[in-house]
Every structure is written in C-alpha cells, then in structure tokens.
C-alpha cells in the first residue's frame, strides 16, 4: 500500500512541478499600492501606516491548490493595514542588540531604555536553509517555500488572550511594517527593510522579569534548566504548570513544541529551586496542511505524521506530541491521569466562549472576516473535548515513562504492590526528603525506565505478584547498589539492570536480568537534547 501511495505521490509531483518552479519566488514588496510604495522609497516617513499583503507570492490557481493545498493563502494575500515601525518611539525607544539566530525568519533582538528585550521577527519565512545545497536552486526549494502558506501568519495574536485567561506566561505580539531604505537598522538596513515584522517581548534573563512572573529570580533556557535539574537534587520542574501549558498547545494545535520553544522562570521555595514554563515562538498555531492531495499523502502516519491540521476534533494527539517528546518525557514524569484531567477542567473553565470569541477578534479585520468565526468555533469544540485529549496525551506518556534521579546521591524504591500497580519513590539522601512518588499501572505502562545518573545511588526492588510491569534500572556513574527481592510468577524476568560491572553491587533475585558491561556507554542519558 505504501508503494502505491509513493508512486501516486511521484506522479502528482511530476504533474505539478511546473506550477511552482519560479526563479523569483518572493514578491518584490508586501505593500499593496504601487504608488504608496514608490512614495515610501523616496520618503520612508511619508506614512504612519501602510496596507500590506504579508504573502502575495502564495496566491495560486485552482490546479496548484488542488495538488498542494489552499492552506492559508487567502489570509496571506488579505490586505491588512499596519503601523509603520519607528524605533525611536516604540516602547519608549528601542535599539539594536544583536541579530537573531533563527534559520527561517529574519530576526533581531532589541532593547528598551530599561534593558528589557524584544524580538523583531519577520512574519514570512524562508526554509531554504533546511534544503540540501544540491536542491536549493531547483523546484524543491520553491515547493518548501510554498508550503509556508500552511501557517496562519496572524495566529499568535489570538494566542495571547487565551494564555492570559489560562494564567500562562506569554508575550503580546504587535505587527509592524518596516519601510524601504530604513536607516534605523544601520548596516542591517537592507536585510530588514520593506517587510512585515512581529515585535514581541523576549523573556531572556533577569531584565525580562515582569510583574506577571511574580517573585521570579531569573529566566533561563531549556538547556540550562535541564542541566540543573539533573545535576542537583534541589532543582525541580513545576510539572503541573508545564502540563497546563502543554494542554493549551494541544488546544491551539501547536505541534512544534520542542525544548527550544520554551524559557523558564526561576523561583526559590525554601532551599529548592523551581522552574515554571514560558512558551514562545507560536509560528505553527492553527496549522492547515492536509487540504491538498500531495500534503495529505505526505502527512500520513507512515510519512510526516506531525503535520496535523487544526480541526474541530483532535484527530491525532500523538502527531501533536511528536516534536515535544524529549521535553515531555522529562518535564511531565510526575503528572498522573487525575492531575491531567484536573488541569484540563481548569482550562475549560478559564477559556469561556467570551474569552475565545474576543481572542479571535484579535485577527486583523480582513483576516477575521475569513477565519474569525471558524477559528472560534474550532477552539470551542476542542475546549469541550480537552479532557479526552488530555487522557490520550497521558496514555502516550504513560507507555514507557522515564524516572530520573540526579548527579547527587538518591535512593530509589520500587514496590510491586499487586498484579497491576508498581510504586516508584525517590528519596534524596542529603536530607531524606521524598522528591518523587508515583504509582504506575500495568494496563497503561509497558516499561518503567529508571536512571540514577551520577552519585552513589541505591535501588531497592520488592513485592510479589502474579504479573508485573517491566522495570529497567540504569545505574549511571558512581558506585551503585541494586537489591532485587521482587517476585513475579509469569512473563519472564521483570527487573533489568544496566550498569558497568566495576563499581556496581547487585544483590540479584529471581526477577533480575544482569545486563552489566565494561562499556561506560551503558550509562548514556540525553540530558539536554541539543
């Protein structure tokens, strides 16, 4: 069957190639009126606002749309009136800090007089950087460029009021047009002139702490957060805050939530450090990809499954979590089914019909006429079904959960309570405080993977049952002790131990499968994902 699909796909691509192989893909200017553009070229201060079409180049005929999708092409070509960006006046005056590091957008960091940072990012994207060099001058580059039309360029305007109602930290973006020959950008003038940009708060360091973040002490990236979480035994992720943020992602169909899409507010709670999530980069909200023959084939489960379209229903929750799997496994490890459900109910209550309708009205007028009511309807439908989506998300995570210690000394206790339940507890040895406790259920969990990381850790496995969930222990660096007194009558050995032979003491039982080795790579655990 896959072969048939691939043959059909190749045939369709061959038929439609001629329609998208343009030498100059992008429009010369987003300005709608040529006369206005001519005046702006001569005098960039001629107008305070300008009517633009963010993506004139995405307009296509019927045959092209049949094969490659209509997507949000009408939104990209909708005339939208935007203010002209004046760096001297906006936010009390902004100055250039540094160029952004994004691969597909043109971006820079700006700062105001207080040191608060803002990101200025182009609304349109150019994915040419992800295309292998051999293809960059072929039709392939323009096909990928054309598929940017699956993004609603104004979607982040709707997200801000939804996040505010849900009490999730967020930026509040504003759209601007930057005039031709704009000297305010100095040596970068050519790169940033004559384009449509989004200006939004950038949560980057202590200077970016706002009253909305309460008594936060700092803001860090995911790499820094994960490093500290696994290095020290008094650093913790606010799992339920992250669960709420992730359920909002599902609601708005934001499938691209990898670790680079988050910052983290840092709080002190006694001697502990707590990290709470700050979502960013809402480029793929309300994604619409599967409305053309070729994209529909490409987005099948056996192909690029993550390209899930925004609909009234959650058609594929797994697709919406593929890009975020790494972070989800590490930051949602303690959230139970009941807690996921409670967070879903909390969001349902916060995102009332009025909140959703007002959020949709943040679209520019011409865009609202096209998408406003449809977007609001879909959001209401998805809100009403959020508990079911949360349950499915939980079940995806519960299949093979990670239980991870720290580089300091931890004690892991695994108890087989009965045929169906396994309780896992982590106690930090510095003060005998329980830092992790969760019961896993055999009908949900196939395997529990426990990582000790560094430090001299102790693992105790106990309990008797007729059946049980497989437990995999990866001791990690340090001199570890593993004692397995558990018994499971059927299903083979249920306690697998991976560690180095040297420095590991194993008191094996009938369930123990000794997988120790001399190869230190057995300790490997990806902490930061970058």
Protein backbone atom coordinates (compact mmCIF):
# COMPACT_ATOMS: atom_id res chain seq x y z
CA UNK A 1 0.00 0.00 0.00
CA UNK A 2 2.82 2.41 0.85
CA UNK A 3 4.41 1.72 -2.54
CA UNK A 4 1.16 2.64 -4.29
CA UNK A 5 0.99 5.89 -2.32
CA UNK A 6 4.59 6.73 -3.16
CA UNK A 7 4.06 6.03 -6.85
CA UNK A 8 0.97 8.25 -6.83
CA UNK A 9 2.89 10.95 -4.99
CA UNK A 10 5.71 10.94 -7.52
CA UNK A 11 3.20 11.19 -10.34
CA UNK A 12 1.43 14.13 -8.72
CA UNK A 13 4.70 15.93 -8.06
CA UNK A 14 5.75 15.45 -11.67
CA UNK A 15 2.45 16.90 -12.87
CA UNK A 16 2.58 19.92 -10.60
CA UNK A 17 6.29 20.84 -10.61
CA UNK A 18 5.93 23.34 -13.44
CA UNK A 19 3.44 25.36 -11.40
CA UNK A 20 5.79 26.18 -8.56
CA UNK A 21 9.29 26.43 -10.08
CA UNK A 22 9.69 30.20 -10.00
CA UNK A 23 13.02 31.93 -10.38
CA UNK A 24 11.98 34.79 -8.10
CA UNK A 25 9.66 33.28 -5.53
CA UNK A 26 9.00 36.22 -3.20
CA UNK A 27 7.05 39.34 -4.10
CA UNK A 28 9.11 42.49 -4.56
CA UNK A 29 7.24 44.27 -1.75
CA UNK A 30 4.33 43.50 0.59
CA UNK A 31 2.90 46.99 0.05
CA UNK A 32 -0.45 46.69 -1.73
CA UNK A 33 -0.47 50.03 -3.62
CA UNK A 34 2.49 50.57 -6.04
CA UNK A 35 2.07 54.35 -5.75
CA UNK A 36 2.39 54.18 -1.97
CA UNK A 37 5.48 52.01 -2.28
CA UNK A 38 7.07 54.50 -4.66
CA UNK A 39 6.48 57.32 -2.17
CA UNK A 40 7.95 55.23 0.66
CA UNK A 41 11.07 54.55 -1.39
CA UNK A 42 11.58 58.29 -1.75
CA UNK A 43 10.47 59.22 1.78
CA UNK A 44 10.27 56.41 4.41
CA UNK A 45 8.45 58.80 6.78
CA UNK A 46 5.68 59.52 4.27
CA UNK A 47 3.05 57.41 6.10
CA UNK A 48 2.30 56.35 9.68
CA UNK A 49 0.51 53.21 8.47
CA UNK A 50 0.56 51.14 5.31
CA UNK A 51 -1.73 48.48 3.80
CA UNK A 52 0.21 45.32 3.06
CA UNK A 53 -0.28 41.75 1.89
CA UNK A 54 2.04 39.63 4.03
CA UNK A 55 2.48 36.97 1.34
CA UNK A 56 1.33 37.95 -2.15
CA UNK A 57 3.55 35.18 -3.52
CA UNK A 58 1.37 32.44 -2.00
CA UNK A 59 -1.53 33.18 -4.31
CA UNK A 60 -2.08 30.24 -6.68
CA UNK A 61 -4.56 28.93 -9.23
CA UNK A 62 -7.05 26.10 -8.85
CA UNK A 63 -4.83 23.28 -10.14
CA UNK A 64 -1.94 24.18 -7.86
CA UNK A 65 -4.26 24.48 -4.85
CA UNK A 66 -5.85 21.12 -5.70
CA UNK A 67 -2.49 19.36 -5.54
CA UNK A 68 -0.64 21.46 -2.95
CA UNK A 69 -3.45 22.79 -0.79
CA UNK A 70 -5.27 26.08 -0.31
CA UNK A 71 -3.84 26.31 3.22
CA UNK A 72 -3.95 29.94 4.44
CA UNK A 73 -3.23 31.51 1.04
CA UNK A 74 -6.27 33.84 1.24
CA UNK A 75 -5.02 35.05 4.63
CA UNK A 76 -1.53 35.72 3.34
CA UNK A 77 -2.89 37.85 0.48
CA UNK A 78 -5.53 39.65 2.60
CA UNK A 79 -4.94 43.44 2.71
CA UNK A 80 -4.03 44.39 6.29
CA UNK A 81 -3.25 47.92 7.46
CA UNK A 82 -0.29 48.04 9.84
CA UNK A 83 1.55 50.85 11.63
CA UNK A 84 5.00 51.80 10.37
CA UNK A 85 7.69 50.87 12.90
CA UNK A 86 9.52 53.83 14.40
CA UNK A 87 12.29 52.51 16.66
CA UNK A 88 12.73 55.90 18.32
CA UNK A 89 9.12 55.99 19.52
CA UNK A 90 8.08 52.35 20.04
CA UNK A 91 8.36 51.14 23.66
CA UNK A 92 9.92 54.47 24.60
CA UNK A 93 12.75 53.91 22.15
CA UNK A 94 14.41 50.68 21.00
CA UNK A 95 17.97 49.99 19.99
CA UNK A 96 19.66 47.13 18.18
CA UNK A 97 21.18 44.46 20.43
CA UNK A 98 22.02 41.51 18.17
CA UNK A 99 20.84 39.54 15.15
CA UNK A 100 18.58 36.59 15.83
CA UNK A 101 19.67 33.02 15.32
CA UNK A 102 16.56 31.70 13.59
CA UNK A 103 17.13 29.63 10.45
CA UNK A 104 13.94 30.56 8.60
CA UNK A 105 13.00 34.04 9.82
CA UNK A 106 14.78 37.37 9.67
CA UNK A 107 15.09 38.47 13.28
CA UNK A 108 16.93 40.66 15.75
CA UNK A 109 16.90 41.41 19.45
CA UNK A 110 16.07 44.97 20.53
CA UNK A 111 16.28 46.56 23.98
CA UNK A 112 14.45 49.47 25.56
CA UNK A 113 15.89 52.03 27.99
CA UNK A 114 15.34 49.69 30.97
CA UNK A 115 17.21 46.79 29.38
CA UNK A 116 14.05 44.80 28.64
CA UNK A 117 14.46 42.78 25.44
CA UNK A 118 12.17 42.37 22.45
CA UNK A 119 12.31 40.09 19.43
CA UNK A 120 11.64 41.55 16.00
CA UNK A 121 10.86 38.68 13.62
CA UNK A 122 9.71 38.63 10.01
CA UNK A 123 6.18 37.32 9.57
CA UNK A 124 7.14 35.33 6.47
CA UNK A 125 9.66 32.52 6.43
CA UNK A 126 12.24 31.17 4.03
CA UNK A 127 13.02 27.48 4.66
CA UNK A 128 15.86 27.46 2.13
CA UNK A 129 18.40 26.88 4.92
CA UNK A 130 16.97 23.42 5.63
CA UNK A 131 17.22 22.38 1.96
CA UNK A 132 20.36 20.41 0.96
CA UNK A 133 22.65 22.55 -1.18
CA UNK A 134 22.12 20.46 -4.30
CA UNK A 135 18.39 21.26 -4.26
CA UNK A 136 18.46 24.95 -3.40
CA UNK A 137 18.22 26.16 -6.99
CA UNK A 138 15.61 23.64 -8.03
CA UNK A 139 11.84 23.39 -7.77
CA UNK A 140 12.24 21.62 -4.39
CA UNK A 141 13.20 24.89 -2.68
CA UNK A 142 10.13 26.64 -4.03
CA UNK A 143 7.84 23.76 -3.06
CA UNK A 144 9.02 24.08 0.54
CA UNK A 145 8.70 27.85 0.38
CA UNK A 146 5.18 27.49 -0.97
CA UNK A 147 4.17 25.26 1.96
CA UNK A 148 4.80 28.11 4.39
CA UNK A 149 1.25 29.02 3.37
CA UNK A 150 0.08 26.26 5.77
CA UNK A 151 0.87 28.72 8.58
CA UNK A 152 -1.62 31.39 9.63
CA UNK A 153 0.72 34.40 9.94
CA UNK A 154 -1.62 36.15 12.40
CA UNK A 155 -2.31 33.22 14.73
CA UNK A 156 -0.07 34.38 17.59
CA UNK A 157 -2.32 37.43 18.01
CA UNK A 158 -5.09 35.07 19.10
CA UNK A 159 -2.91 33.04 21.47
CA UNK A 160 -2.03 35.92 23.80
CA UNK A 161 -5.55 36.44 25.28
CA UNK A 162 -6.07 32.67 25.56
CA UNK A 163 -2.81 32.31 27.51
CA UNK A 164 -3.73 35.28 29.70
CA UNK A 165 -7.08 33.74 30.60
CA UNK A 166 -5.33 30.45 31.40
CA UNK A 167 -2.73 32.25 33.57
CA UNK A 168 0.15 31.04 31.40
CA UNK A 169 3.07 33.47 30.86
CA UNK A 170 3.05 34.79 27.32
CA UNK A 171 4.20 37.54 25.01
CA UNK A 172 1.80 40.02 23.44
CA UNK A 173 2.93 40.48 19.84
CA UNK A 174 2.34 43.56 17.69
CA UNK A 175 2.65 43.75 13.91
CA UNK A 176 4.52 46.46 12.03
CA UNK A 177 5.65 47.34 8.55
CA UNK A 178 9.29 48.41 8.14
CA UNK A 179 9.74 50.88 5.32
CA UNK A 180 12.20 50.64 2.39
CA UNK A 181 15.65 52.20 2.86
CA UNK A 182 15.12 52.33 6.64
CA UNK A 183 18.33 53.75 8.10
CA UNK A 184 17.36 52.94 11.70
CA UNK A 185 18.80 49.44 11.25
CA UNK A 186 22.23 50.69 10.19
CA UNK A 187 24.32 48.05 8.44
CA UNK A 188 21.35 45.65 8.56
CA UNK A 189 19.01 48.05 6.73
CA UNK A 190 18.87 46.04 3.50
CA UNK A 191 18.01 42.85 5.37
CA UNK A 192 15.19 44.37 7.44
CA UNK A 193 13.70 46.99 5.12
CA UNK A 194 10.39 46.67 3.27
CA UNK A 195 8.96 43.77 5.23
CA UNK A 196 6.26 42.84 7.72
CA UNK A 197 7.50 42.08 11.24
CA UNK A 198 6.22 40.95 14.59
CA UNK A 199 7.52 42.67 17.71
CA UNK A 200 7.11 40.77 20.98
CA UNK A 201 8.57 40.56 24.45
CA UNK A 202 11.59 38.31 24.75
CA UNK A 203 11.92 36.58 28.09
CA UNK A 204 15.69 36.47 28.32
CA UNK A 205 17.41 36.91 31.67
CA UNK A 206 16.64 38.88 34.83
CA UNK A 207 15.91 42.11 32.93
CA UNK A 208 12.91 40.42 31.29
CA UNK A 209 11.10 39.61 34.57
CA UNK A 210 7.68 41.26 34.58
CA UNK A 211 5.08 41.56 37.39
CA UNK A 212 3.18 38.72 35.70
CA UNK A 213 6.03 36.39 36.70
CA UNK A 214 5.61 37.22 40.39
CA UNK A 215 8.73 36.73 42.51
CA UNK A 216 10.81 35.05 39.81
CA UNK A 217 14.55 35.46 40.31
CA UNK A 218 15.74 34.72 36.80
CA UNK A 219 14.73 33.41 33.37
CA UNK A 220 16.72 30.65 31.68
CA UNK A 221 16.53 28.48 28.58
CA UNK A 222 15.63 24.81 28.46
CA UNK A 223 19.25 23.68 28.23
CA UNK A 224 20.19 25.49 31.41
CA UNK A 225 17.07 24.28 33.20
CA UNK A 226 17.57 20.63 32.28
CA UNK A 227 21.25 20.74 33.17
CA UNK A 228 20.46 22.00 36.67
CA UNK A 229 17.52 19.64 37.12
CA UNK A 230 19.69 16.58 36.60
CA UNK A 231 22.85 17.93 38.21
CA UNK A 232 21.47 19.00 41.60
CA UNK A 233 18.91 17.35 43.87
CA UNK A 234 17.15 20.57 44.90
CA UNK A 235 16.11 21.77 41.41
CA UNK A 236 12.61 20.85 40.22
CA UNK A 237 10.27 21.45 37.29
CA UNK A 238 6.74 22.62 38.08
CA UNK A 239 5.17 19.62 36.36
CA UNK A 240 1.55 20.76 36.62
CA UNK A 241 2.34 24.23 35.26
CA UNK A 242 4.01 22.55 32.30
CA UNK A 243 1.04 20.20 31.89
CA UNK A 244 -1.28 23.21 31.66
CA UNK A 245 0.93 24.88 29.08
CA UNK A 246 1.10 21.67 27.06
CA UNK A 247 -2.67 21.19 27.10
CA UNK A 248 -3.05 24.73 25.76
CA UNK A 249 -0.65 23.67 22.97
CA UNK A 250 -2.99 20.79 22.11
CA UNK A 251 -5.99 23.08 22.16
CA UNK A 252 -4.48 25.51 19.65
CA UNK A 253 -2.91 22.69 17.59
CA UNK A 254 0.67 23.88 18.10
CA UNK A 255 2.62 20.78 17.10
CA UNK A 256 6.12 22.29 17.21
CA UNK A 257 6.91 22.48 20.94
CA UNK A 258 10.45 21.14 21.19
CA UNK A 259 12.77 22.23 24.01
CA UNK A 260 13.93 25.30 22.07
CA UNK A 261 10.38 26.70 22.20
CA UNK A 262 10.45 27.37 25.95
CA UNK A 263 12.03 29.64 28.51
CA UNK A 264 11.75 29.01 32.24
CA UNK A 265 11.09 31.40 35.12
CA UNK A 266 13.21 30.52 38.15
CA UNK A 267 11.74 30.63 41.67
CA UNK A 268 13.02 29.86 45.15
CA UNK A 269 10.90 27.79 47.52
CA UNK A 270 12.82 27.34 50.72
CA UNK A 271 16.11 25.72 49.76
CA UNK A 272 14.66 24.38 46.50
CA UNK A 273 14.69 25.94 43.03
CA UNK A 274 11.53 25.65 40.93
CA UNK A 275 11.26 26.15 37.15
CA UNK A 276 7.99 27.27 35.55
CA UNK A 277 7.50 27.32 31.76
CA UNK A 278 7.21 30.34 29.48
CA UNK A 279 6.06 29.29 25.98
CA UNK A 280 7.43 31.16 22.97
CA UNK A 281 7.51 31.00 19.14
CA UNK A 282 3.89 30.38 18.17
CA UNK A 283 4.54 30.00 14.43
CA UNK A 284 2.55 26.81 13.86
CA UNK A 285 -0.66 27.55 15.74
CA UNK A 286 -3.85 26.69 13.77
CA UNK A 287 -1.72 24.86 11.18
CA UNK A 288 -3.60 23.86 7.99
CA UNK A 289 -1.71 21.37 5.86
CA UNK A 290 -3.85 18.40 4.86
CA UNK A 291 -6.17 20.17 2.37
CA UNK A 292 -4.23 19.30 -0.79
CA UNK A 293 -3.68 15.91 -2.40
CA UNK A 294 0.11 15.87 -2.02
CA UNK A 295 0.25 17.30 1.55
CA UNK A 296 -2.48 14.84 2.55
CA UNK A 297 -0.29 11.96 1.38
CA UNK A 298 2.81 13.45 2.99
CA UNK A 299 1.05 13.74 6.37
CA UNK A 300 0.00 10.08 6.62
CA UNK A 301 1.12 8.19 9.71
CA UNK A 302 3.89 6.45 7.77
CA UNK A 303 5.25 9.74 6.38
CA UNK A 304 5.48 13.14 8.12
CA UNK A 305 2.79 12.49 10.70
CA UNK A 306 3.42 15.59 12.81
CA UNK A 307 1.92 17.94 10.20
CA UNK A 308 -1.53 17.75 11.78
CA UNK A 309 -4.18 20.27 10.70
CA UNK A 310 -6.28 22.39 13.06
CA UNK A 311 -9.80 20.99 13.13
CA UNK A 312 -12.90 20.78 15.33
CA UNK A 313 -11.59 17.45 16.66
CA UNK A 314 -8.28 16.16 17.97
CA UNK A 315 -7.72 13.81 15.06
CA UNK A 316 -4.24 12.67 16.13
CA UNK A 317 -2.96 13.66 19.58
CA UNK A 318 0.21 11.63 19.06
CA UNK A 319 1.09 13.74 15.99
CA UNK A 320 0.80 16.88 18.11
CA UNK A 321 3.29 15.49 20.65
CA UNK A 322 5.99 14.07 18.37
CA UNK A 323 8.22 17.16 18.31
CA UNK A 324 7.89 17.65 22.07
CA UNK A 325 8.54 14.04 23.13
CA UNK A 326 12.01 14.72 24.54
CA UNK A 327 10.90 17.51 26.86
CA UNK A 328 7.53 15.95 27.70
CA UNK A 329 9.22 12.78 28.96
CA UNK A 330 11.46 14.78 31.28
CA UNK A 331 9.08 17.52 32.42
CA UNK A 332 5.82 15.57 32.83
CA UNK A 333 7.18 12.46 34.55
CA UNK A 334 5.20 13.00 37.75
CA UNK A 335 1.82 14.06 36.36
CA UNK A 336 -0.90 11.47 36.98
CA UNK A 337 -4.03 10.81 34.96
CA UNK A 338 -6.12 12.57 37.61
CA UNK A 339 -3.87 15.62 37.55
CA UNK A 340 -4.02 15.85 33.76
CA UNK A 341 -7.80 15.70 33.97
CA UNK A 342 -7.94 18.39 36.67
CA UNK A 343 -5.73 20.70 34.59
CA UNK A 344 -7.95 20.11 31.54
CA UNK A 345 -11.05 21.06 33.55
CA UNK A 346 -9.24 24.16 34.82
CA UNK A 347 -8.53 25.23 31.24
CA UNK A 348 -12.09 24.50 30.14
CA UNK A 349 -13.41 26.78 32.87
CA UNK A 350 -10.92 29.55 32.11
CA UNK A 351 -11.46 29.56 28.33
CA UNK A 352 -15.08 30.61 28.19
CA UNK A 353 -16.96 31.31 24.96
CA UNK A 354 -16.45 35.02 25.59
CA UNK A 355 -12.67 34.61 26.03
CA UNK A 356 -12.41 32.59 22.82
CA UNK A 357 -14.57 34.98 20.79
CA UNK A 358 -12.60 38.01 21.99
CA UNK A 359 -9.34 36.21 21.22
CA UNK A 360 -10.44 35.51 17.63
CA UNK A 361 -11.23 39.21 17.25
CA UNK A 362 -7.52 39.95 17.61
CA UNK A 363 -7.14 38.95 13.98
CA UNK A 364 -6.85 41.98 11.67
CA UNK A 365 -10.27 42.93 10.26
CA UNK A 366 -9.85 41.35 6.83
CA UNK A 367 -8.44 38.17 8.35
CA UNK A 368 -11.25 37.96 10.88
CA UNK A 369 -13.76 38.07 8.04
CA UNK A 370 -12.11 34.96 6.57
CA UNK A 371 -11.10 32.97 9.66
CA UNK A 372 -12.51 34.56 12.82
CA UNK A 373 -15.75 32.66 13.29
CA UNK A 374 -14.26 29.39 12.04
CA UNK A 375 -11.32 29.67 14.42
CA UNK A 376 -13.59 30.45 17.37
CA UNK A 377 -15.86 27.51 16.55
CA UNK A 378 -12.95 25.09 16.36
CA UNK A 379 -11.45 26.37 19.61
CA UNK A 380 -14.77 25.92 21.43
CA UNK A 381 -15.14 22.41 20.07
CA UNK A 382 -11.59 21.47 21.07
CA UNK A 383 -12.04 23.05 24.50
CA UNK A 384 -15.13 20.91 25.08
CA UNK A 385 -13.14 17.78 24.14
CA UNK A 386 -9.99 18.72 26.03
CA UNK A 387 -10.43 16.16 28.79
CA UNK A 388 -10.47 13.34 26.25
CA UNK A 389 -7.37 14.78 24.54
CA UNK A 390 -5.62 15.12 27.92
CA UNK A 391 -6.39 11.47 28.71
CA UNK A 392 -4.92 10.39 25.38
CA UNK A 393 -1.85 12.55 25.95
CA UNK A 394 -1.40 10.97 29.39
CA UNK A 395 -1.67 7.47 27.92
CA UNK A 396 1.02 8.27 25.33
CA UNK A 397 3.37 9.42 28.10
CA UNK A 398 2.49 6.51 30.40
CA UNK A 399 3.59 3.79 27.93
CA UNK A 400 7.32 4.00 28.72
CA UNK A 401 7.90 6.73 31.34
CA UNK A 402 11.31 7.99 32.46
CA UNK A 403 12.09 8.24 36.17
CA UNK A 404 15.33 10.18 36.51
CA UNK A 405 17.47 10.96 39.54
CA UNK A 406 20.32 13.45 39.84
CA UNK A 407 24.10 13.58 39.95
CA UNK A 408 23.86 13.50 43.74
CA UNK A 409 23.03 10.53 45.94
CA UNK A 410 19.48 9.23 45.55
CA UNK A 411 17.66 6.18 46.81
CA UNK A 412 15.12 4.53 44.51
CA UNK A 413 12.47 2.23 45.91
CA UNK A 414 10.35 0.16 43.53
CA UNK A 415 7.46 -1.78 45.10
CA UNK A 416 5.25 -4.21 43.21
CA UNK A 417 2.06 -3.57 45.16
CA UNK A 418 -0.02 -6.16 43.30
CA UNK A 419 -0.54 -7.55 39.80
CA UNK A 420 -1.40 -4.14 38.38
CA UNK A 421 0.37 -1.46 40.44
CA UNK A 422 4.04 -0.55 40.85
CA UNK A 423 5.03 2.28 43.19
CA UNK A 424 8.26 4.19 42.49
CA UNK A 425 9.74 6.55 45.08
CA UNK A 426 12.92 8.64 45.01
CA UNK A 427 14.43 9.92 48.26
CA UNK A 428 17.34 12.34 48.21
CA UNK A 429 19.94 11.24 50.71
CA UNK A 430 21.07 14.73 51.67
CA UNK A 431 18.01 15.16 53.92
CA UNK A 432 15.84 12.04 53.36
CA UNK A 433 13.12 14.06 51.61
CA UNK A 434 10.95 12.21 49.08
CA UNK A 435 11.35 14.03 45.75
CA UNK A 436 9.35 11.67 43.51
CA UNK A 437 6.42 9.35 44.13
CA UNK A 438 4.14 7.81 41.53
CA UNK A 439 2.14 4.61 41.08
CA UNK A 440 2.28 3.03 37.61
CA UNK A 441 -0.43 0.71 36.25
CA UNK A 442 0.25 -2.37 34.15
CA UNK A 443 -2.63 -1.66 31.75
CA UNK A 444 -1.03 1.74 30.94
CA UNK A 445 2.71 1.17 31.28
CA UNK A 446 4.77 -1.39 29.36
CA UNK A 447 8.12 -0.45 30.88
CA UNK A 448 9.43 1.90 33.58
CA UNK A 449 12.93 3.22 32.80
CA UNK A 450 14.81 4.43 35.89
CA UNK A 451 18.06 6.41 35.58
CA UNK A 452 20.29 7.03 38.58
CA UNK A 453 22.75 9.32 36.73
CA UNK A 454 25.87 10.09 38.80
CA UNK A 455 26.33 9.73 42.54
CA UNK A 456 26.37 6.59 44.67
CA UNK A 457 22.74 5.52 44.31
CA UNK A 458 20.74 2.71 45.88
CA UNK A 459 17.95 0.80 44.18
CA UNK A 460 15.59 -1.48 46.09
CA UNK A 461 13.02 -3.61 44.26
CA UNK A 462 10.46 -5.55 46.30
CA UNK A 463 6.98 -7.06 46.25
CA UNK A 464 5.36 -10.19 44.90
CA UNK A 465 2.77 -10.52 42.14
CA UNK A 466 1.49 -12.94 39.54
CA UNK A 467 2.18 -10.39 36.82
CA UNK A 468 4.00 -7.09 36.69
CA UNK A 469 5.43 -4.21 34.70
CA UNK A 470 8.99 -4.45 33.41
CA UNK A 471 11.43 -2.23 35.33
CA UNK A 472 14.69 -1.14 33.67
CA UNK A 473 17.35 0.26 36.01
CA UNK A 474 20.27 2.22 34.53
CA UNK A 475 22.58 2.87 37.44
CA UNK A 476 24.79 5.55 35.94
CA UNK A 477 28.14 6.88 37.12
CA UNK A 478 29.11 6.25 40.71
CA UNK A 479 29.14 3.17 42.89
CA UNK A 480 25.59 1.84 42.87
CA UNK A 481 23.81 -0.79 44.92
CA UNK A 482 20.90 -2.74 43.45
CA UNK A 483 18.87 -5.12 45.61
CA UNK A 484 16.07 -7.04 43.94
CA UNK A 485 13.80 -9.05 46.27
CA UNK A 486 10.77 -8.95 43.98
CA UNK A 487 8.96 -11.97 42.56
CA UNK A 488 6.68 -12.07 39.50
CA UNK A 489 5.24 -15.51 38.72
CA UNK A 490 4.75 -15.17 34.95
CA UNK A 491 6.02 -13.15 32.00
CA UNK A 492 9.78 -13.61 32.27
CA UNK A 493 12.30 -11.57 34.23
CA UNK A 494 10.89 -8.16 35.13
CA UNK A 495 13.94 -6.33 36.59
CA UNK A 496 16.64 -5.49 34.05
CA UNK A 497 19.83 -3.86 35.35
CA UNK A 498 22.18 -1.86 33.09
CA UNK A 499 25.41 -0.57 34.60
CA UNK A 500 29.16 -1.05 34.47
CA UNK A 501 30.50 -4.16 36.17
CA UNK A 502 33.07 -2.15 38.05
CA UNK A 503 31.63 -0.19 40.98
CA UNK A 504 28.23 -1.89 40.89
CA UNK A 505 26.97 -4.19 43.62
CA UNK A 506 23.98 -6.34 42.68
CA UNK A 507 22.01 -8.49 45.10
CA UNK A 508 20.04 -10.36 42.48
CA UNK A 509 16.73 -12.14 42.86
CA UNK A 510 14.69 -14.40 40.58
CA UNK A 511 13.50 -11.39 38.57
CA UNK A 512 16.93 -9.86 37.97
CA UNK A 513 18.40 -9.80 34.49
CA UNK A 514 22.01 -8.69 34.80
CA UNK A 515 22.93 -6.52 31.78
CA UNK A 516 26.09 -5.04 33.27
CA UNK A 517 29.04 -4.46 30.97
CA UNK A 518 32.52 -2.95 30.85
CA UNK A 519 31.34 -0.35 28.33
CA UNK A 520 30.68 3.00 30.05
CA UNK A 521 28.27 3.96 27.26
CA UNK A 522 25.69 1.89 29.11
CA UNK A 523 25.24 4.95 31.35
CA UNK A 524 24.23 7.22 28.47
CA UNK A 525 21.31 9.55 29.12
CA UNK A 526 20.48 12.57 26.95
CA UNK A 527 20.00 15.38 29.45
CA UNK A 528 19.53 18.49 27.33
CA UNK A 529 18.57 17.32 23.84
CA UNK A 530 20.56 19.97 21.97
